[in-house]
Protein backbone atom coordinates (compact mmCIF):
# COMPACT_ATOMS: atom_id res chain seq x y z
CA MET A 1 4.69 -14.03 -4.53
CA LYS A 2 5.99 -17.02 -2.93
CA LEU A 3 9.83 -18.12 -3.25
CA PHE A 4 10.51 -21.54 -4.04
CA SER A 5 14.18 -22.28 -3.94
CA ILE A 6 16.47 -25.33 -5.20
CA ILE A 7 19.35 -26.44 -4.08
CA ILE A 8 22.01 -28.49 -6.75
CA PRO A 9 24.77 -29.76 -5.27
CA VAL A 10 27.72 -30.24 -8.39
CA PHE A 11 30.15 -31.93 -8.89
CA TYR A 12 32.22 -32.80 -12.75
CA ASN A 13 28.89 -31.74 -13.67
CA GLU A 14 29.79 -30.34 -16.87
CA LEU A 15 28.05 -32.43 -19.66
CA ASN A 16 25.10 -32.67 -17.48
CA LEU A 17 24.96 -28.29 -16.84
CA PRO A 18 23.93 -27.41 -20.37
CA GLU A 19 20.67 -29.62 -20.03
CA THR A 20 19.92 -29.46 -16.08
CA VAL A 21 19.77 -25.44 -15.62
CA PRO A 22 17.12 -24.97 -18.24
CA GLU A 23 15.04 -27.94 -16.96
CA LEU A 24 14.92 -26.58 -14.10
CA LEU A 25 14.17 -22.65 -15.47
CA GLU A 26 11.26 -24.27 -17.39
CA LEU A 27 9.62 -25.28 -14.08
CA GLN A 28 8.97 -21.35 -13.71
CA VAL A 29 6.33 -22.38 -16.89
CA SER A 30 3.85 -24.34 -14.84
CA LEU A 31 4.78 -22.65 -11.60
CA GLN A 32 4.20 -18.92 -12.57
CA ASP A 33 2.44 -17.95 -9.07
CA TYR A 34 6.41 -18.27 -7.63
CA LEU A 35 9.64 -16.76 -7.92
CA PHE A 36 12.25 -19.04 -8.58
CA GLU A 37 15.75 -19.00 -6.61
CA LEU A 38 18.27 -21.50 -8.18
CA ILE A 39 21.32 -22.32 -6.01
CA PHE A 40 24.34 -23.99 -7.47
CA VAL A 41 27.05 -25.41 -4.87
CA ASP A 42 30.06 -26.04 -6.77
CA ASP A 43 31.79 -28.35 -4.49
CA GLY A 44 35.18 -27.91 -6.06
CA SER A 45 34.68 -29.39 -9.33
CA GLY A 46 37.69 -29.79 -11.32
CA ASP A 47 36.17 -29.36 -14.42
CA ARG A 48 34.29 -26.27 -16.56
CA SER A 49 31.09 -27.00 -14.04
CA LEU A 50 31.85 -23.69 -12.35
CA PRO A 51 32.70 -21.92 -16.02
CA ILE A 52 29.12 -23.27 -17.67
CA LEU A 53 27.05 -22.20 -14.32
CA ARG A 54 28.69 -18.63 -14.35
CA GLU A 55 27.73 -18.16 -17.86
CA PHE A 56 23.99 -19.07 -16.98
CA GLN A 57 24.11 -17.19 -13.57
CA LYS A 58 25.26 -13.71 -15.71
CA GLN A 59 22.34 -14.78 -18.65
CA TYR A 60 19.59 -14.98 -15.30
CA PRO A 61 20.94 -13.10 -12.41
CA ASN A 62 17.37 -12.75 -10.81
CA LYS A 63 16.72 -16.68 -11.00
CA ILE A 64 20.29 -17.88 -10.77
CA LYS A 65 23.07 -18.10 -7.87
CA VAL A 66 26.32 -20.00 -7.54
CA VAL A 67 28.38 -20.94 -4.46
CA LYS A 68 31.74 -21.78 -5.01
CA LEU A 69 33.35 -23.75 -1.96
CA SER A 70 36.65 -23.66 -1.54
CA ARG A 71 37.25 -27.48 -2.16
CA ASN A 72 35.61 -30.80 -2.10
CA PHE A 73 33.33 -31.14 1.07
CA GLY A 74 31.07 -33.91 0.24
CA SER A 75 27.72 -33.73 -1.43
CA MET A 76 26.25 -33.08 2.19
CA ALA A 77 28.31 -30.58 3.26
CA ALA A 78 27.45 -28.95 -0.60
CA ILE A 79 23.44 -29.26 0.40
CA GLN A 80 24.17 -27.70 4.05
CA ALA A 81 25.76 -24.84 2.45
CA GLY A 82 22.88 -24.13 0.10
CA LEU A 83 20.43 -24.49 2.93
CA SER A 84 22.32 -21.97 4.70
CA ILE A 85 21.91 -19.31 2.36
CA SER A 86 18.55 -20.38 0.95
CA LYS A 87 15.74 -17.92 1.44
CA GLY A 88 12.61 -19.67 -0.12
CA ASP A 89 9.16 -20.50 1.24
CA CYS A 90 10.04 -23.61 0.43
CA VAL A 91 12.92 -25.40 -0.55
CA GLY A 92 14.03 -28.23 -3.08
CA ILE A 93 16.58 -30.29 -3.53
CA ILE A 94 17.75 -32.25 -6.71
CA SER A 95 20.81 -33.63 -7.92
CA ALA A 96 22.59 -32.12 -11.02
CA ASP A 97 22.54 -35.29 -13.23
CA LEU A 98 18.68 -35.43 -14.28
CA GLN A 99 18.52 -38.49 -12.75
CA ASP A 100 15.43 -37.04 -10.60
CA PRO A 101 13.18 -35.64 -13.30
CA PRO A 102 12.54 -31.85 -12.03
CA GLU A 103 9.01 -32.06 -12.66
CA LEU A 104 7.99 -33.69 -9.90
CA PHE A 105 8.47 -30.55 -7.85
CA ILE A 106 5.22 -29.27 -9.47
CA GLU A 107 3.48 -32.25 -7.95
CA MET A 108 5.48 -31.56 -4.58
CA ILE A 109 4.73 -28.01 -4.47
CA GLN A 110 0.74 -29.05 -4.36
CA HIS A 111 1.48 -31.11 -1.44
CA TRP A 112 3.37 -28.03 -0.01
CA GLU A 113 0.61 -25.95 -0.55
CA ASN A 114 -1.99 -28.41 0.93
CA GLY A 115 0.23 -28.01 4.53
CA SER A 116 2.85 -30.66 4.17
CA LYS A 117 6.18 -29.46 5.41
CA VAL A 118 8.16 -32.53 3.76
CA VAL A 119 7.53 -33.97 0.64
CA CYS A 120 9.89 -36.87 -0.67
CA ALA A 121 10.46 -38.53 -4.04
CA VAL A 122 11.15 -42.18 -3.40
CA ARG A 123 12.71 -44.47 -5.39
CA ASN A 124 11.25 -47.63 -6.36
CA GLU A 125 12.59 -48.59 -9.14
CA ARG A 126 16.28 -47.89 -10.50
CA GLN A 127 17.92 -47.79 -14.01
CA GLU A 128 21.19 -48.56 -12.37
CA SER A 129 23.93 -51.35 -12.26
CA TRP A 130 23.48 -54.46 -10.07
CA LEU A 131 25.43 -53.30 -7.84
CA THR A 132 24.55 -50.14 -6.82
CA LYS A 133 21.39 -51.49 -6.56
CA ILE A 134 22.19 -54.31 -4.27
CA PHE A 135 24.12 -51.57 -1.91
CA SER A 136 21.06 -49.31 -1.82
CA THR A 137 18.59 -52.20 -0.97
CA ASN A 138 20.70 -53.37 1.84
CA TYR A 139 22.19 -49.88 3.04
CA TYR A 140 18.25 -49.08 3.31
CA ALA A 141 17.16 -52.04 4.97
CA LEU A 142 19.98 -51.83 7.68
CA VAL A 143 18.64 -47.61 8.20
CA ARG A 144 14.99 -49.10 8.76
CA LYS A 145 16.02 -51.92 10.84
CA PHE A 146 18.54 -50.64 13.20
CA ALA A 147 18.30 -46.80 12.78
CA ILE A 148 15.34 -44.85 11.53
CA HIS A 149 12.39 -47.81 11.53
CA ASN A 150 10.35 -46.16 8.97
CA TYR A 151 12.43 -44.97 6.93
CA PRO A 152 11.61 -45.02 3.10
CA ARG A 153 12.78 -48.44 1.57
CA GLY A 154 13.73 -46.90 -1.74
CA GLY A 155 15.35 -43.68 0.25
CA PHE A 156 15.38 -40.43 -1.34
CA ASP A 157 17.42 -37.69 -2.19
CA PHE A 158 15.05 -35.44 -4.14
CA LEU A 159 12.76 -33.79 -1.83
CA LEU A 160 10.93 -30.69 -0.61
CA ALA A 161 10.73 -29.46 2.39
CA ASP A 162 9.04 -26.31 4.21
CA ARG A 163 10.91 -23.05 5.67
CA GLN A 164 10.24 -23.84 9.21
CA VAL A 165 12.25 -27.78 8.41
CA ILE A 166 14.94 -26.23 6.66
CA ASP A 167 15.97 -23.51 9.37
CA GLU A 168 15.72 -26.25 12.15
CA ILE A 169 18.30 -27.82 10.30
CA ASN A 170 20.33 -25.03 9.72
CA LYS A 171 20.50 -24.89 13.95
CA ILE A 172 21.02 -28.12 14.05
CA ASN A 173 24.00 -27.43 11.56
CA GLU A 174 25.72 -31.30 12.29
CA LYS A 175 28.99 -32.51 10.90
CA ASN A 176 29.23 -36.12 9.38
CA THR A 177 25.72 -36.64 8.73
CA ASN A 178 23.08 -37.57 6.58
CA ILE A 179 21.03 -34.59 5.57
CA MET A 180 18.04 -36.36 4.18
CA ALA A 181 18.27 -38.74 7.15
CA LEU A 182 18.40 -35.76 9.39
CA ILE A 183 15.39 -34.13 7.69
CA PHE A 184 13.39 -37.44 8.28
CA TRP A 185 14.69 -37.54 11.93
CA LEU A 186 12.92 -33.98 12.64
CA GLY A 187 9.75 -36.02 12.82
CA TYR A 188 7.80 -34.01 10.29
CA GLU A 189 4.85 -36.64 8.73
CA PRO A 190 6.64 -36.62 5.18
CA VAL A 191 4.30 -37.38 1.91
CA LEU A 192 6.26 -39.90 -0.34
CA ILE A 193 6.11 -39.99 -4.10
CA PRO A 194 7.41 -43.04 -5.49
CA TYR A 195 8.88 -42.48 -8.81
CA VAL A 196 11.61 -44.33 -11.33
CA ARG A 197 15.39 -43.49 -10.63
CA LYS A 198 16.96 -42.79 -14.29
CA ALA A 199 19.88 -44.09 -15.63
CA ARG A 200 22.50 -41.26 -16.22
CA GLU A 201 23.07 -39.99 -19.74
CA LYS A 202 26.12 -38.50 -19.64
CA GLY A 203 29.06 -38.52 -18.13
CA SER A 204 30.34 -40.66 -15.25
CA SER A 205 29.33 -40.34 -11.71
CA ARG A 206 31.67 -39.35 -8.99
CA TRP A 207 29.68 -41.26 -6.46
CA THR A 208 32.56 -43.67 -5.53
CA MET A 209 32.25 -46.64 -3.30
CA ARG A 210 34.28 -44.86 -0.78
CA LYS A 211 31.74 -41.99 -0.22
CA LYS A 212 28.81 -44.43 -0.02
CA ILE A 213 30.63 -46.55 3.03
CA LYS A 214 31.49 -43.32 4.33
CA LEU A 215 27.70 -42.23 3.91
CA PHE A 216 26.71 -45.92 5.65
CA ILE A 217 29.05 -44.87 8.59
CA ASP A 218 27.77 -41.55 9.30
CA THR A 219 24.35 -42.88 8.98
CA PHE A 220 24.66 -45.10 11.58
CA VAL A 221 27.02 -43.66 13.71
CA ALA A 222 24.42 -40.21 13.47
CA PHE A 223 21.07 -42.01 13.94
CA SER A 224 21.95 -45.54 15.48
CA TYR A 225 23.23 -46.65 19.04
CA PHE A 226 23.27 -50.32 17.31
CA PRO A 227 27.13 -50.69 16.65
CA ILE A 228 27.93 -49.92 20.33
CA ARG A 229 25.43 -51.43 21.96
CA LEU A 230 26.29 -54.19 19.78
CA PHE A 231 29.72 -54.55 20.44
CA SER A 232 29.03 -54.49 24.10
CA LEU A 233 27.13 -57.14 24.12
CA ILE A 234 29.77 -59.14 22.61
CA GLY A 235 32.87 -58.14 24.89
CA PHE A 236 29.93 -59.31 27.68
CA LEU A 237 29.52 -62.42 26.18
CA VAL A 238 32.90 -62.84 25.75
CA ALA A 239 33.63 -61.53 28.95
CA ALA A 240 31.61 -64.05 30.41
CA GLY A 241 32.32 -67.05 28.23
CA ALA A 242 35.99 -66.43 29.52
CA PHE A 243 34.70 -66.44 33.04
CA ILE A 244 32.91 -69.92 32.62
CA TYR A 245 35.71 -70.90 30.69
CA GLY A 246 37.94 -70.11 33.89
CA VAL A 247 35.83 -72.04 36.06
CA VAL A 248 36.50 -74.73 34.44
CA ILE A 249 39.68 -74.82 34.06
CA PHE A 250 39.67 -74.43 37.49
CA PHE A 251 38.43 -76.95 39.20
CA SER A 252 39.37 -79.68 36.23
CA TRP A 253 43.35 -78.70 37.38
CA LEU A 254 42.06 -78.79 41.20
CA PHE A 255 40.14 -82.52 40.78
CA VAL A 256 41.03 -83.60 37.81
CA GLY A 257 44.45 -82.61 36.88
CA ILE A 258 45.70 -80.69 33.51
CA GLU A 259 47.99 -82.02 31.04
CA VAL A 260 50.56 -79.36 29.62
CA LEU A 261 48.62 -79.70 26.46
CA GLY A 262 45.89 -76.99 24.40
CA TRP A 263 48.16 -74.83 22.32
CA VAL A 264 46.19 -74.42 19.47
CA PRO A 265 43.19 -74.05 21.55
CA ILE A 266 44.49 -71.25 23.69
CA MET A 267 46.11 -69.49 20.17
CA ILE A 268 42.17 -69.70 18.74
CA VAL A 269 40.80 -68.02 21.77
CA LEU A 270 43.65 -65.74 21.91
CA THR A 271 43.23 -64.47 18.32
CA ILE A 272 39.18 -64.09 17.94
CA THR A 273 39.13 -62.36 21.24
CA ALA A 274 41.87 -59.96 20.25
CA GLY A 275 40.44 -59.30 16.61
CA ILE A 276 36.64 -58.81 18.99
CA GLN A 277 38.74 -56.29 21.17
CA MET A 278 40.55 -54.49 18.30
CA THR A 279 37.19 -53.91 15.82
CA MET A 280 35.46 -52.42 19.42
CA LEU A 281 38.48 -50.14 19.85
CA GLY A 282 37.82 -49.30 15.87
CA ILE A 283 34.44 -48.54 16.40
CA LEU A 284 34.87 -46.60 19.57
CA GLY A 285 37.80 -44.55 18.08
CA GLU A 286 34.79 -43.92 15.14
CA TYR A 287 32.55 -42.16 17.92
CA LEU A 288 35.33 -40.66 19.53
CA TRP A 289 36.98 -39.18 16.49
CA ARG A 290 33.45 -37.49 15.73
CA THR A 291 33.58 -36.26 19.13
CA LEU A 292 36.33 -34.20 18.78
CA ASP A 293 35.16 -33.22 14.93
CA GLU A 294 32.40 -31.57 16.64
CA ALA A 295 34.06 -30.04 19.59
CA ARG A 296 36.64 -28.28 17.21
CA LYS A 297 33.83 -26.19 15.53
CA ARG A 298 35.38 -26.16 12.64
CA PRO A 299 32.86 -25.59 9.58
CA SER A 300 31.02 -28.19 7.46
CA PHE A 301 32.06 -26.21 4.67
CA VAL A 302 33.45 -23.35 3.53
CA ILE A 303 32.69 -20.43 1.05
CA GLU A 304 35.07 -19.42 -1.15
CA ALA A 305 32.08 -16.78 -3.19
CA ILE A 306 28.73 -16.22 -4.10
CA PHE A 307 27.76 -15.04 -7.46
CA ASP A 308 24.04 -13.74 -7.74
CA GLN A 309 22.71 -10.13 -8.71
CA ASN A 310 24.23 -8.42 -5.67
CA LYS A 311 27.34 -10.37 -5.12
CA ASN A 312 30.04 -10.70 -8.37
CA GLY A 313 32.39 -13.40 -6.66
CA GLU A 314 32.40 -11.38 -3.24
CA LYS A 315 34.72 -13.43 -0.31
CA GLU A 316 32.91 -14.70 2.47
């Protein structure tokens, strides 16, 4: 029998898990020809998420693995941790809050059986706040325009991928990245399934604006040359403008004469160019910091313990 692994990152989901786990286990009824491996990755939750998961793992030791990270590393790192220990012939990724319908995995499996390496559930509508919709719409529009041109308009973080794809992701082992964009970047022709992302019914989302901005920066630094090339172009234009202005001043002084005036325009030019230079340094610093972070070879995540039928909380 084929093995189907599902990775579920968990961060403060104690209210969702009593419903999420049974719904995922219920998939076995429709996929009786598959063995199941549910891998819940606790990303440093400070609530009762881990004890709840441990109870489910004891009830279903052959189907559920619980991975405990040593601290909060972020959702992408939690997914990487789950992918690194998954054994499935195909691997799904879904959030723990039930905003994505688990039953869609049944259709994804059918596409995978027909030869598709990547099957993505693409959001064509969101039952979420207007601020979330605005951020998502603009984020994915920028990704499509400046990073990955054929990226799905509604974005995705709910998918199924073949073992070959997962092995490629594990070999890359890239830090500060967007796993979904990385899977898409690999170039496998995806099947796109539209769906409506439901509103969250229980608990509050920990997907804060700070984390959204970090993902935005991670995606653009990892997949686009646009930021650095934009500021290179601005630097060239500013330098060219300064040279032309210098020539004009020189000839004015040489043939016309210049009174000692112009404090205001000088200050305007200085403040604008100083602002551009500091922004450029910030962009360069972002690239340099990420290069240093990769060079250090620190892991993207640290697995403190794995709980399954073979390991009862062993240190990793």
